[in-house]
Protein backbone atom coordinates (compact mmCIF):
# COMPACT_ATOMS: atom_id res chain seq x y z
CA MET A 1 50.24 30.43 189.29
CA ASP A 2 53.50 31.51 190.90
CA SER A 3 55.75 29.23 189.06
CA PRO A 4 59.14 30.94 188.20
CA GLU A 5 59.36 32.40 184.68
CA ILE A 6 63.09 31.66 184.58
CA VAL A 7 65.54 29.28 185.86
CA VAL A 8 69.04 30.50 186.37
CA LEU A 9 71.21 27.48 186.24
CA LEU A 10 74.66 27.44 187.93
CA GLY A 11 77.16 24.91 189.27
CA THR A 12 80.49 26.59 189.68
CA ARG A 13 81.85 29.71 191.46
CA PRO A 14 82.59 31.48 188.31
CA GLU A 15 78.99 30.90 187.25
CA VAL A 16 77.82 32.26 190.46
CA ILE A 17 79.97 35.38 190.14
CA LYS A 18 78.79 36.13 186.51
CA LEU A 19 75.07 35.14 187.02
CA ALA A 20 74.42 36.82 190.38
CA PRO A 21 74.20 40.33 188.81
CA VAL A 22 71.81 38.97 186.37
CA VAL A 23 69.62 37.23 189.09
CA LEU A 24 69.56 40.72 190.91
CA ALA A 25 68.68 42.68 187.65
CA LEU A 26 65.93 40.19 186.65
CA ARG A 27 64.33 40.46 190.05
CA GLU A 28 64.61 44.27 190.14
CA ALA A 29 62.79 44.07 186.84
CA GLY A 30 60.00 42.17 188.37
CA LEU A 31 60.78 38.69 186.85
CA ARG A 32 60.38 35.58 188.85
CA CYS A 33 63.63 33.63 188.66
CA PHE A 34 64.57 30.35 190.42
CA VAL A 35 68.21 29.72 191.25
CA LEU A 36 68.95 26.12 190.52
CA ALA A 37 72.38 24.81 191.64
CA SER A 38 73.65 21.54 190.10
CA GLY A 39 76.24 20.99 192.82
CA GLN A 40 79.16 20.72 190.49
CA HIS A 41 81.35 22.84 192.83
CA ARG A 42 79.05 22.56 195.79
CA GLU A 43 81.53 23.59 198.51
CA LEU A 44 82.12 26.93 196.91
CA LEU A 45 78.45 28.03 195.78
CA ALA A 46 77.10 29.12 199.19
CA GLY A 47 79.88 31.43 200.03
CA ALA A 48 79.91 32.98 196.59
CA LEU A 49 76.14 33.45 196.37
CA SER A 50 76.16 34.97 199.98
CA SER A 51 78.63 37.67 198.79
CA PHE A 52 75.49 38.92 196.67
CA GLY A 53 72.76 38.33 199.23
CA LEU A 54 71.62 35.36 197.31
CA SER A 55 71.02 31.53 197.91
CA ALA A 56 70.15 28.63 195.73
CA ASP A 57 66.56 27.84 195.66
CA ARG A 58 67.44 24.30 195.31
CA ASP A 59 70.85 22.40 195.20
CA LEU A 60 70.84 19.16 193.19
CA ALA A 61 74.00 17.91 194.62
CA LEU A 62 74.95 15.88 191.54
CA MET A 63 78.59 15.97 191.71
CA ARG A 64 80.59 12.91 192.99
CA ASN A 65 84.16 12.54 194.08
CA ASP A 66 86.58 11.55 191.01
CA GLN A 67 83.54 11.65 188.70
CA PRO A 68 84.62 11.07 184.93
CA LEU A 69 83.35 13.86 182.63
CA ASN A 70 80.86 11.51 180.94
CA GLU A 71 79.36 10.33 184.02
CA LEU A 72 79.26 13.91 185.33
CA VAL A 73 77.38 15.32 182.25
CA ALA A 74 75.06 12.43 182.02
CA ARG A 75 73.97 12.93 185.75
CA LEU A 76 73.66 16.70 185.02
CA VAL A 77 71.28 16.25 181.94
CA GLU A 78 69.15 13.54 183.93
CA GLY A 79 68.79 15.67 187.19
CA LEU A 80 68.48 18.99 185.47
CA GLY A 81 65.81 17.56 183.10
CA ARG A 82 63.79 16.14 186.08
CA ALA A 83 63.89 19.58 187.76
CA LEU A 84 62.80 21.44 184.64
CA ASP A 85 59.89 19.02 184.54
CA GLU A 86 58.84 20.09 187.92
CA ILE A 87 59.65 23.87 187.92
CA LYS A 88 58.17 24.33 184.27
CA PRO A 89 59.85 27.62 183.52
CA ARG A 90 59.48 29.63 180.53
CA LEU A 91 63.38 30.25 180.01
CA VAL A 92 66.55 28.79 181.21
CA ILE A 93 69.63 30.85 181.58
CA VAL A 94 73.23 29.22 181.51
CA GLN A 95 76.62 30.79 181.68
CA GLY A 96 80.00 30.02 180.09
CA ASP A 97 81.69 26.85 179.35
CA THR A 98 81.00 24.38 182.22
CA ALA A 99 79.58 21.03 182.31
CA THR A 100 76.55 22.51 184.07
CA ALA A 101 76.09 25.01 181.24
CA LEU A 102 76.29 22.21 178.66
CA ALA A 103 73.90 19.92 180.37
CA GLY A 104 71.45 22.81 181.18
CA ALA A 105 71.27 23.77 177.42
CA LEU A 106 70.72 20.26 176.47
CA ALA A 107 68.13 19.80 179.00
CA ALA A 108 66.21 22.98 178.05
CA MET A 109 66.39 21.90 174.34
CA HIS A 110 65.00 18.48 175.02
CA HIS A 111 62.15 20.31 177.02
CA LYS A 112 61.64 22.65 173.93
CA LEU A 113 62.47 25.43 176.27
CA PRO A 114 64.13 28.74 175.18
CA CYS A 115 67.71 28.91 176.72
CA ALA A 116 69.90 32.06 177.00
CA HIS A 117 73.57 31.86 177.05
CA VAL A 118 75.43 34.66 179.07
CA GLU A 119 79.02 34.95 177.94
CA ALA A 120 78.34 33.57 174.34
CA GLY A 121 80.89 33.66 171.55
CA LEU A 122 84.15 33.36 173.46
CA ARG A 123 86.58 31.40 171.18
CA SER A 124 90.35 30.49 171.64
CA GLY A 125 90.71 29.13 168.28
CA ARG A 126 91.94 25.60 169.39
CA ARG A 127 89.88 22.71 170.16
CA ASP A 128 92.36 21.55 172.92
CA ALA A 129 92.78 24.79 174.97
CA PRO A 130 90.97 25.30 177.27
CA TRP A 131 89.89 21.59 177.34
CA PRO A 132 87.09 20.58 177.35
CA GLU A 133 85.70 24.21 177.89
CA GLU A 134 86.21 25.30 174.39
CA LEU A 135 84.11 22.58 172.73
CA TYR A 136 81.55 22.96 175.39
CA ARG A 137 80.84 26.72 174.96
CA GLN A 138 80.59 26.14 171.21
CA MET A 139 77.97 23.39 171.82
CA VAL A 140 76.08 25.64 174.25
CA ASP A 141 76.04 28.52 171.69
CA ARG A 142 74.38 26.11 169.26
CA LEU A 143 71.81 24.98 171.58
CA CYS A 144 70.71 28.24 172.97
CA THR A 145 68.11 30.62 171.40
CA ARG A 146 69.39 33.90 172.88
CA LEU A 147 73.23 34.67 172.95
CA TYR A 148 74.63 37.46 175.29
CA ALA A 149 78.14 38.16 173.77
CA PRO A 150 80.35 40.16 176.11
CA THR A 151 82.08 42.02 173.28
CA GLU A 152 81.84 42.80 169.69
CA GLY A 153 84.59 40.29 168.96
CA ALA A 154 82.53 37.49 170.51
CA ARG A 155 79.71 38.52 168.42
CA GLN A 156 81.67 38.27 165.25
CA HIS A 157 82.71 34.80 166.25
CA LEU A 158 79.06 33.60 166.52
CA LEU A 159 78.23 35.42 163.13
CA ARG A 160 81.17 33.58 161.35
CA GLU A 161 79.80 30.39 162.57
CA GLY A 162 76.52 31.05 160.95
CA LEU A 163 74.42 31.80 164.05
CA ASP A 164 71.41 33.98 163.61
CA ALA A 165 72.35 37.80 164.14
CA SER A 166 68.79 38.58 165.46
CA SER A 167 69.60 36.10 168.43
CA ILE A 168 72.90 37.97 169.45
CA VAL A 169 73.12 40.94 171.82
CA VAL A 170 76.33 42.55 172.92
CA THR A 171 75.95 43.35 176.54
CA GLY A 172 79.34 43.68 178.26
CA GLN A 173 80.69 41.14 180.71
CA THR A 174 78.76 40.42 183.91
CA GLY A 175 81.70 39.56 185.73
CA VAL A 176 82.69 43.32 185.35
CA ASP A 177 79.32 44.05 187.06
CA ALA A 178 80.08 41.66 189.74
CA ALA A 179 83.55 43.00 190.50
CA LEU A 180 82.52 46.72 190.79
CA LEU A 181 79.54 45.75 192.93
CA ALA A 182 81.78 43.70 195.34
CA ALA A 183 84.53 46.46 195.28
CA ARG A 184 81.95 49.03 196.47
CA GLN A 185 80.97 46.75 199.29
CA THR A 186 84.40 45.57 200.58
CA ARG A 187 86.65 48.33 202.26
CA VAL A 188 88.72 46.38 204.77
CA LYS A 189 91.19 43.64 204.87
CA PRO A 190 89.37 40.14 205.18
CA ALA A 191 89.64 38.53 208.53
CA GLY A 192 92.41 35.72 208.34
CA PHE A 193 94.42 37.28 205.55
CA PRO A 194 98.09 37.52 206.24
CA ALA A 195 99.38 40.96 207.33
CA LEU A 196 101.14 42.71 204.42
CA PRO A 197 103.81 45.20 205.56
CA PRO A 198 103.78 48.76 204.01
CA GLY A 199 105.02 49.18 200.63
CA ALA A 200 104.79 45.27 199.94
CA LYS A 201 104.11 44.59 196.34
CA LEU A 202 101.13 41.96 196.25
CA ILE A 203 100.98 39.21 193.72
CA TYR A 204 97.46 37.65 193.58
CA ALA A 205 97.82 34.30 191.96
CA THR A 206 95.31 31.28 191.09
CA ALA A 207 95.70 28.12 189.41
CA HIS A 208 93.21 25.42 188.94
CA ARG A 209 92.24 24.74 185.28
CA ARG A 210 92.32 21.04 184.02
CA GLU A 211 94.81 21.70 181.38
CA SER A 212 97.17 23.00 183.89
CA PHE A 213 97.40 19.66 185.84
CA GLY A 214 100.76 18.29 185.72
CA LYS A 215 102.34 21.79 185.56
CA LEU A 216 101.00 23.41 188.58
CA ALA A 217 104.21 22.44 190.48
CA GLY A 218 106.20 24.58 188.09
CA MET A 219 103.83 27.30 188.30
CA VAL A 220 103.81 27.63 192.03
CA GLY A 221 107.66 27.07 191.98
CA ALA A 222 108.10 30.14 189.80
CA LEU A 223 106.08 32.19 192.44
CA ALA A 224 108.59 30.73 195.16
CA GLU A 225 111.57 31.78 193.25
CA ILE A 226 110.33 35.46 193.03
CA VAL A 227 109.55 35.74 196.87
CA GLU A 228 113.05 34.34 197.47
CA GLU A 229 114.80 36.94 195.52
CA ARG A 230 112.51 39.96 196.23
CA ALA A 231 112.09 41.05 199.63
CA ASP A 232 109.28 43.45 198.75
CA VAL A 233 107.07 40.86 197.22
CA GLU A 234 104.23 38.83 198.87
CA VAL A 235 102.20 36.29 196.99
CA ILE A 236 98.55 35.09 197.96
CA LEU A 237 97.58 32.01 196.32
CA PRO A 238 94.08 30.50 197.45
CA LEU A 239 94.14 26.94 196.85
CA HIS A 240 91.22 25.26 194.87
CA PRO A 241 89.56 22.39 196.56
CA ASN A 242 90.25 20.13 193.63
CA PRO A 243 92.42 17.33 195.19
CA GLU A 244 94.77 17.29 192.22
CA VAL A 245 95.53 20.97 192.63
CA ARG A 246 96.12 20.61 196.33
CA ARG A 247 98.46 17.32 195.74
CA GLN A 248 100.80 19.35 193.43
CA ALA A 249 100.79 22.52 195.56
CA ALA A 250 101.48 20.56 198.89
CA PRO A 251 105.42 20.66 198.66
CA PHE A 252 105.24 24.53 198.69
CA VAL A 253 103.03 24.89 201.78
CA GLY A 254 104.96 26.62 204.54
CA ARG A 255 108.16 26.75 202.35
CA HIS A 256 108.46 30.64 202.52
CA PRO A 257 106.90 33.16 204.84
CA ARG A 258 105.93 35.41 202.00
CA LEU A 259 104.36 32.67 199.84
CA HIS A 260 100.87 32.36 201.29
CA LEU A 261 99.03 29.35 200.22
CA ILE A 262 95.62 29.77 201.79
CA GLU A 263 92.21 28.16 201.84
CA PRO A 264 89.85 29.20 199.16
CA VAL A 265 88.46 32.80 199.54
CA ASP A 266 85.00 34.06 198.94
CA TYR A 267 84.35 36.43 196.03
CA ALA A 268 84.32 39.55 197.99
CA ASP A 269 87.81 38.68 199.26
CA SER A 270 89.03 37.86 195.93
CA VAL A 271 87.81 41.33 194.75
CA TRP A 272 89.78 42.90 197.78
CA LEU A 273 92.81 41.26 196.58
CA LEU A 274 92.47 42.65 193.03
CA THR A 275 92.09 46.07 194.46
CA ARG A 276 95.36 45.77 196.52
CA ALA A 277 97.45 43.77 194.09
CA ALA A 278 100.30 45.04 191.95
CA LEU A 279 100.03 42.05 189.66
CA CYS A 280 97.79 39.17 189.04
CA VAL A 281 99.23 35.67 187.77
CA THR A 282 96.31 33.39 186.90
CA ASP A 283 94.84 30.81 184.69
CA SER A 284 91.43 31.99 185.39
CA GLY A 285 89.14 33.45 182.78
CA GLY A 286 87.06 35.60 185.03
CA ILE A 287 90.09 37.40 186.57
CA GLN A 288 91.17 38.38 183.19
CA GLU A 289 88.02 40.27 182.94
CA GLU A 290 87.70 41.71 186.41
CA ALA A 291 91.35 42.97 186.85
CA PRO A 292 91.27 45.63 184.28
CA SER A 293 88.37 47.40 186.06
CA PHE A 294 91.23 48.13 188.72
CA GLY A 295 94.05 49.08 186.45
CA LEU A 296 95.72 45.59 187.21
CA PRO A 297 98.06 43.91 184.77
CA VAL A 298 97.43 40.16 184.47
CA LEU A 299 99.86 37.39 183.31
CA VAL A 300 97.90 34.49 181.99
CA MET A 301 99.36 31.05 182.66
CA ARG A 302 97.82 29.47 179.70
CA GLU A 303 98.80 28.67 176.01
CA VAL A 304 96.00 30.71 174.58
CA THR A 305 93.25 33.04 175.84
CA GLU A 306 89.92 33.52 174.45
CA ARG A 307 89.85 37.10 175.59
CA PRO A 308 91.89 39.05 173.14
CA GLU A 309 90.42 42.40 173.86
CA GLY A 310 92.40 42.50 177.16
CA ILE A 311 95.62 41.81 175.10
CA ALA A 312 94.94 44.59 172.92
CA ALA A 313 94.22 46.95 175.74
CA GLY A 314 97.54 46.13 177.49
CA PHE A 315 96.07 44.47 180.40
CA LEU A 316 96.90 40.82 179.50
CA ARG A 317 99.89 38.98 178.47
CA VAL A 318 99.67 35.13 177.71
CA ILE A 319 102.94 33.63 179.19
CA GLY A 320 102.24 29.81 178.99
CA THR A 321 102.90 27.32 181.86
CA ASP A 322 106.55 27.01 181.88
CA GLY A 323 108.15 27.88 185.35
CA GLY A 324 110.97 29.84 184.03
CA THR A 325 109.00 31.97 181.61
CA ILE A 326 106.64 32.73 184.40
CA ALA A 327 109.33 33.96 186.76
CA ARG A 328 110.88 36.19 183.89
CA GLU A 329 107.65 37.69 183.02
CA ILE A 330 106.85 38.42 186.65
CA ARG A 331 110.16 40.17 187.05
CA ARG A 332 109.53 42.16 183.91
CA THR A 333 106.08 43.38 184.87
CA LEU A 334 106.83 44.33 188.38
CA ASP A 335 109.66 46.39 187.02
CA ASP A 336 107.38 48.13 184.46
CA THR A 337 106.09 51.26 186.29
CA ALA A 338 105.08 52.76 183.21
CA LEU A 339 102.72 49.96 182.38
CA ARG A 340 100.62 50.35 185.73
CA ARG A 341 100.38 54.08 185.05
CA LYS A 342 99.16 53.56 181.67
CA LEU A 343 96.65 50.84 182.56
CA SER A 344 95.39 53.02 185.46
CA ARG A 345 94.05 55.43 182.73
CA THR A 346 92.65 52.61 180.39
CA ALA A 347 89.06 51.77 180.41
CA ASN A 348 88.21 48.02 181.01
CA PRO A 349 87.48 46.66 177.42
CA TYR A 350 85.00 44.02 178.80
CA GLY A 351 82.39 46.36 180.21
CA ASP A 352 81.08 49.11 182.13
CA GLY A 353 79.09 47.50 184.87
CA LYS A 354 75.89 47.36 183.15
CA ALA A 355 75.74 44.23 181.35
CA ALA A 356 73.06 42.56 183.74
CA LEU A 357 70.90 45.45 183.19
CA ARG A 358 70.97 45.01 179.38
CA ILE A 359 70.31 41.35 179.73
CA ALA A 360 67.26 41.79 182.12
CA ALA A 361 65.96 44.48 179.85
CA ASP A 362 66.13 42.03 176.72
CA ILE A 363 64.74 38.87 178.55
CA LYS A 364 61.71 40.93 179.78
CA ARG A 365 61.13 42.21 176.10
CA ALA A 366 61.42 38.57 174.83
CA LEU A 367 59.18 37.18 177.62
CA ARG A 368 56.59 39.93 176.71
CA THR A 369 56.54 38.96 173.19
CA GLU A 370 56.49 35.23 174.10
CA ARG A 371 53.49 35.87 176.41
CA ARG A 372 51.19 36.74 173.35
CA ALA A 373 52.64 34.04 171.10
CA SER A 374 50.57 31.69 169.31
CA ALA A 375 49.73 28.35 171.15
CA GLY A 376 49.46 26.45 167.96
CA LEU A 377 45.72 25.64 168.42
CA ALA A 378 44.16 27.73 165.59
CA PRO A 379 44.08 26.40 162.03
CA ASP A 380 46.54 28.45 159.71
CA PRO A 381 44.32 30.98 157.80
CA ALA A 382 46.48 30.59 154.90
CA SER A 383 45.75 27.06 154.31
CA THR A 384 42.11 27.00 155.71
CA PRO A 385 39.83 28.54 153.22
CA GLU A 386 36.61 27.65 155.25
CA PRO A 387 35.14 30.14 157.68
CA VAL A 388 36.10 29.60 161.22
CA VAL A 389 34.77 30.85 164.69
CA GLN A 390 36.45 29.89 167.90
CA VAL A 391 36.01 30.75 171.35
CA TYR A 392 39.07 30.69 173.74
CA GLY A 393 39.58 31.07 177.51
CA ALA A 394 42.92 31.33 179.42
CA ARG A 395 43.79 32.04 183.26
CA CYS A 396 44.06 35.81 183.95
CA SER A 397 47.32 37.45 184.81
CA ARG A 398 48.68 37.61 188.09
CA TRP A 399 46.54 37.27 191.35
CA ARG A 400 43.30 37.34 189.01
CA GLY A 401 44.47 33.98 187.66
CA TYR A 402 43.82 32.12 190.93
CA PHE A 403 40.06 33.05 190.36
CA GLY A 404 39.25 33.09 186.78
CA ILE A 405 39.80 33.22 183.13
CA HIS A 406 39.68 35.71 180.40
CA THR A 407 37.77 34.87 177.16
CA TRP A 408 37.52 35.93 173.72
CA ILE A 409 36.09 35.20 170.26
CA ALA A 410 38.10 34.72 167.08
CA VAL A 411 36.56 34.82 163.83
CA LYS A 412 37.84 34.15 160.10
CA PRO A 413 35.42 34.51 157.21
CA ALA A 414 35.79 32.22 154.09
CA GLY A 415 38.80 32.99 152.23
CA ALA A 416 40.25 35.54 154.74
CA ARG A 417 43.93 35.55 155.55
CA ALA A 418 43.75 36.63 159.07
CA TYR A 419 41.59 36.21 162.19
CA THR A 420 39.58 39.06 163.80
CA ILE A 421 39.45 38.95 167.43
CA TYR A 422 36.63 40.26 169.67
CA GLU A 423 37.13 40.76 173.31
CA VAL A 424 36.84 43.18 176.21
CA ILE A 425 40.00 44.39 177.86
CA ASP A 426 40.28 46.68 181.02
CA SER A 427 43.37 48.48 179.71
CA TYR A 428 41.28 49.54 176.64
CA PHE A 429 38.71 50.87 178.76
CA ARG A 430 41.08 52.90 180.79
CA ARG A 431 42.75 54.24 177.53
CA THR A 432 39.74 54.75 175.31
CA GLY A 433 36.68 54.85 177.39
CA SER A 434 35.56 51.80 175.55
CA ALA A 435 36.40 48.23 176.75
CA VAL A 436 35.44 46.55 173.51
CA ALA A 437 38.53 45.55 171.46
CA ILE A 438 38.26 44.52 167.79
CA ARG A 439 41.50 43.74 166.23
CA LYS A 440 43.72 41.38 164.09
CA ARG A 441 45.96 39.08 165.97
CA ALA A 442 46.76 35.36 166.57
CA PRO A 443 43.54 33.81 167.64
CA ASP A 444 45.24 31.36 170.06
CA ALA A 445 47.85 33.83 171.55
CA ARG A 446 48.88 33.14 175.20
CA TRP A 447 47.21 35.56 177.61
CA PHE A 448 50.15 36.99 179.81
CA GLY A 449 52.00 33.67 179.09
CA ASN A 450 48.97 31.50 180.01
CA THR A 451 48.04 28.95 177.27
CA PRO A 452 44.45 29.33 176.17
CA GLU A 453 42.01 26.36 175.68
CA LEU A 454 39.28 25.98 173.30
CA LEU A 455 35.71 26.51 174.54
CA GLY A 456 33.86 26.25 171.32
CA GLU A 457 34.33 26.00 167.55
CA LYS A 458 32.34 26.13 164.39
CA ARG A 459 33.50 25.67 160.65
CA GLY A 460 32.31 25.42 157.23
CA ASP A 461 28.69 26.07 155.76
CA GLY A 462 26.67 28.63 157.41
CA VAL A 463 29.58 29.97 159.61
CA ASP A 464 29.83 33.23 157.66
CA ALA A 465 26.28 34.10 158.63
CA LEU A 466 27.32 33.44 162.34
CA ILE A 467 30.30 35.88 161.95
CA ALA A 468 27.97 38.61 160.73
CA ARG A 469 25.82 38.15 163.74
CA ILE A 470 28.83 38.02 166.05
CA GLU A 471 30.13 41.30 164.58
CA LYS A 472 26.48 42.80 165.16
CA ALA A 473 26.35 41.52 168.67
CA ALA A 474 29.77 42.76 169.55
CA ARG A 475 29.09 46.25 168.28
CA GLU A 476 25.75 46.38 170.31
CA TYR A 477 27.39 45.15 173.67
CA PRO A 478 25.41 47.31 176.13
CA TYR A 479 28.25 47.53 178.75
CA ALA A 480 30.95 48.91 176.25
CA HIS A 481 31.77 51.72 178.38
CA GLU A 482 31.90 49.90 181.80
CA TYR A 483 34.36 47.55 183.21
CA VAL A 484 34.54 45.86 186.57
CA VAL A 485 36.67 42.80 187.50
CA TRP A 486 34.16 41.35 189.73
CA PRO A 487 31.32 40.52 189.48
CA GLY A 488 31.24 42.16 185.97
CA PRO A 489 30.73 43.46 183.42
CA ASN A 490 34.08 42.10 182.03
CA SER A 491 35.45 40.01 179.23
CA ASN A 492 33.29 37.05 180.27
CA THR A 493 30.04 39.23 180.34
CA PHE A 494 30.97 40.20 176.88
CA THR A 495 31.48 36.72 175.62
CA ALA A 496 28.34 35.51 177.34
CA HIS A 497 26.49 38.43 175.57
CA VAL A 498 27.68 37.46 172.18
CA ALA A 499 27.07 33.73 172.92
CA ARG A 500 23.43 34.40 173.78
CA ALA A 501 22.95 36.53 170.60
CA VAL A 502 24.38 33.60 168.60
CA PRO A 503 23.22 30.48 170.36
CA GLU A 504 24.41 28.40 167.52
CA LEU A 505 27.88 28.75 168.94
CA GLU A 506 26.72 26.39 171.79
CA VAL A 507 29.44 27.75 174.15
CA ASP A 508 29.60 26.44 177.59
CA LEU A 509 31.54 29.04 179.76
CA PRO A 510 33.04 27.45 182.71
CA PRO A 511 32.43 28.43 186.29
CA THR A 512 35.72 30.11 186.33
CA ALA A 513 34.36 32.63 183.75
CA ILE A 514 33.42 35.15 186.53
CA GLY A 515 31.16 37.75 185.08
CA LYS A 516 29.27 35.48 182.62
CA ASP A 517 26.28 35.60 184.94
CA TYR A 518 26.23 39.49 184.96
CA LEU A 519 22.94 40.76 183.32
CA GLY A 520 22.92 44.41 184.23
CA GLY A 521 19.54 45.63 185.11
CA LYS A 522 17.90 42.38 183.74
CA LEU A 523 16.79 39.49 186.08
CA MET A 524 16.28 36.85 183.40
CA ALA A 525 18.10 35.87 180.19
CA ALA A 526 19.11 32.78 178.11
CA ALA A 527 21.90 30.81 179.41
CA PRO A 528 25.27 31.68 177.45
CA SER A 529 24.99 28.18 175.72
CA GLY A 530 21.59 29.13 174.50
CA SER A 531 20.02 25.79 175.88
CA GLY A 532 18.50 27.15 179.14
CA PHE A 533 17.77 30.17 181.16
CA GLN A 534 19.18 31.89 184.00
CA LEU A 535 18.12 34.20 186.77
CA SER A 536 20.66 36.80 188.05
CA LEU A 537 20.62 39.67 190.58
CA PHE A 538 23.48 41.90 189.12
CA GLY A 539 25.86 38.90 188.97
CA MET A 540 25.99 38.56 192.71
CA LEU A 541 23.09 35.96 193.25
CA GLY A 542 21.40 33.67 190.79
CA VAL A 543 20.75 30.37 189.38
CA LEU A 544 21.27 28.68 185.96
CA ALA A 545 19.47 25.54 184.33
CA SER A 546 20.69 24.39 181.07
CA GLY A 547 21.21 21.41 178.84
CA ALA A 548 24.85 22.44 178.26
CA GLU A 549 25.94 24.02 181.64
CA GLY A 550 23.59 21.73 183.86
CA PHE A 551 22.64 23.38 187.13
CA GLU A 552 24.50 26.21 188.60
CA VAL A 553 24.09 28.42 191.66
CA ASN A 554 25.82 31.96 191.74
CA VAL A 555 26.81 33.29 195.07
CA LEU A 556 28.60 36.56 195.30
CA GLY A 557 29.73 35.98 191.64
CA LEU A 558 31.16 32.73 192.31
CA SER A 559 29.44 29.70 190.43
CA PHE A 560 28.77 26.05 191.99
CA GLY A 561 27.15 23.62 189.98
CA LEU A 562 26.29 20.01 188.61
CA ASP A 563 26.34 18.72 185.22
CA PRO A 564 24.06 15.63 185.15
CA PHE A 565 24.30 15.16 181.35
CA SER A 566 28.14 14.54 181.28
CA PRO A 567 28.61 14.00 185.02
CA ALA A 568 30.86 16.48 186.50
CA LEU A 569 30.95 19.27 189.30
CA ARG A 570 31.39 22.73 188.26
CA LEU A 571 33.29 24.73 190.88
CA PRO A 572 34.73 28.30 191.45
CA LEU A 573 38.57 28.55 191.01
CA VAL A 574 38.86 24.85 189.95
CA GLY A 575 36.51 24.74 186.86
CA ARG A 576 34.97 21.39 185.82
CA LEU A 577 35.71 18.15 187.83
CA GLY A 578 34.58 15.03 186.09
CA ALA A 579 33.58 14.01 182.46
CA ALA A 580 34.65 16.50 179.76
CA ARG A 581 32.05 18.01 177.51
CA SER A 582 32.58 18.57 173.70
CA ASN A 583 33.18 21.85 172.62
CA GLY A 584 31.45 21.56 169.24
CA SER A 585 34.66 20.48 167.26
CA GLY A 586 34.92 17.02 169.10
CA ALA A 587 37.64 18.30 171.45
CA PRO A 588 37.07 18.07 175.26
CA VAL A 589 36.63 21.29 177.27
CA SER A 590 38.59 21.80 180.45
CA ILE A 591 39.82 24.91 181.89
CA THR A 592 41.96 23.80 184.88
CA ALA A 593 43.76 25.72 187.60
CA ASP A 594 47.05 25.26 186.13
CA PRO A 595 47.75 27.71 183.31
CA SER A 596 50.40 25.85 181.85
C-alpha cells in the first residue's frame, strides 16, 4: 500500500544536482518518491546527495571499471528493469543525456510506465558533439511521455522534431534551483581548499567530457600558461575520478603553486567556487547554466554547446579545445572588466529557481488524472449496443486501503453511449449533504490509483429491466444523508442495499467490503447476493449464511468466513483465500491486499 508513486533515477553527479530539487519538491507536494541510483558514478553520488540532505533509497552498483558503453547500457537496462518490477511505481523520472537516463527510459517503456524527462529538448545540432550524449538525449525524448524543457528554445526543438506539444512543459532549469539553494547554505571557504590571497582572480576550471579525451593536456597546459604569466591569477581544477582524465592531468600536478589540481569537490563546494570566481573555464554543461546566477562569465572548452541562450545573454563563449585559443580567450576575458559589470546586471536565461516546483505541480496534476483513468476492464459503449451492468471494487485510498475496498455499480442501457455510475462517496456527503453520487464517468476508473476488480456483471436480454430497478433502489437508499467509514453506512452499505433490491445481480461482496453488513435499525435482511440471509446488530456483530458467500461471522465490523461451495477462507484485510468464485461473467472474483 505504501509503494512509491515515483521512481527518480540517477547515476551521475550532474543528475543528482538537477534531480535533487525535484525530489525535494515532490516530497513537499506529498508525493512518495523512491531515489534509485544506478551506480554509474557511484563514488560521487553520496556526497552530491548529502549536499541536499538526501540519500539513495537503493544503489544498484551496476558500473564496472573500463566498461564499454554497450555493456554498460545493457547492464543498466537489465538491472533497472528488475528494480522497476520490484518497486512498481506509477511514474519514472530521468534527467539529461546519460547512459542511466537512456536505460531508464527504455526500461520504463518496456514496462509500459510513463516516463518524464527533466531537461528535455537540448540540441547541439551535431550527432558527434557531445558524443554520445547528443544522441542519447534525442532517444530519451522519444521514449518519454512528459518532457520538461528548460527553455523555450528547447521546446521549439522538440516541436520541430514532431513531438506532441501537449507533452511539453517549459519549466526553467533545475540546475539553477540547485545552485541558488546551495549558495544560500554555503557561506565560508570549504575546509581543505587552498588559501587565496586578497585580490586574487580565481579561475574555476573543470574538464571531464569524453569528447575532450586526448585534448585534456592542452587544456590544462593553457591554464598553467596563464598562472605563469599572471601573478594575480589562481586556478582551482578539481580532477574528475575518470582514470583517463587523471592520466592526462598527472604531468601538471605540483607544477605551479597557483595551479591547484585537487580531488573532486562536493556540490556545495563547487557552488562556493562559482560565487568567488572571476572566470569559469569548463566543458561541463551544468556549470554553463549555474554560473549566470552569479554573474560569472564562462569559457566553454567544446566545439559546440546545446545551450545557446547563455551565448545570446553574453555569459558563454564557445572557444574549442585548442590550448593556444583557450589561453588567448582567458586573457581577453580577464581583462574585460566591462563584461563582468554587464553580466552582474543580467538575469540568468536558464531559470529563476522555481523549475522544480513547476515540475512537481505538473506531475501531481498528471498523477491525479491517471488515478481516475480507465483500467481497460469495461466494454466500450460505442461498440457494445447491448445493455451492461457491472459491479466493481478497488482498495480505498491511503490508510483505509489496508482494511477495505470501495465498491460501485456501473450501468449502460441498450444503445447508450456512456455509462452511469452509482456510488456513495464521503466527499459528496460533506459537500452536498447527500452521499449518493450518480454521474457519468469511466466505469472501470482507478480509485485513487488503485486498479478495480470486477465483482459482478450482467449483459444482454432483461438487463434493461435490472437497470431500472437499480436506479430505483439507488434513489431509495435509506442512508443517503449519513456516512460513517466504519462500520457503516458507507459505499459498501450502498452497494449491498442495491444488490439486495436486485438479487439477479448475484453479487458476492468480499469480506474486505466493510460496511456491507450494516442494516441500520434492522436485525435481519437478505444476504447481498440474494441467495441467503444475515443477522446484524448495527454492522458490529452478526452472522451470514448464503449459497454465494458461504458462512460469515461479523465481529466489530470485520468479517471472517468459510465458503464450502468453492472452498476458500474469507478473511478481513486479505479477502478470499482459496478457489475463486465466478462473478456472473465467467471471470474469477478476487480482491486481494495488493491494489496494483
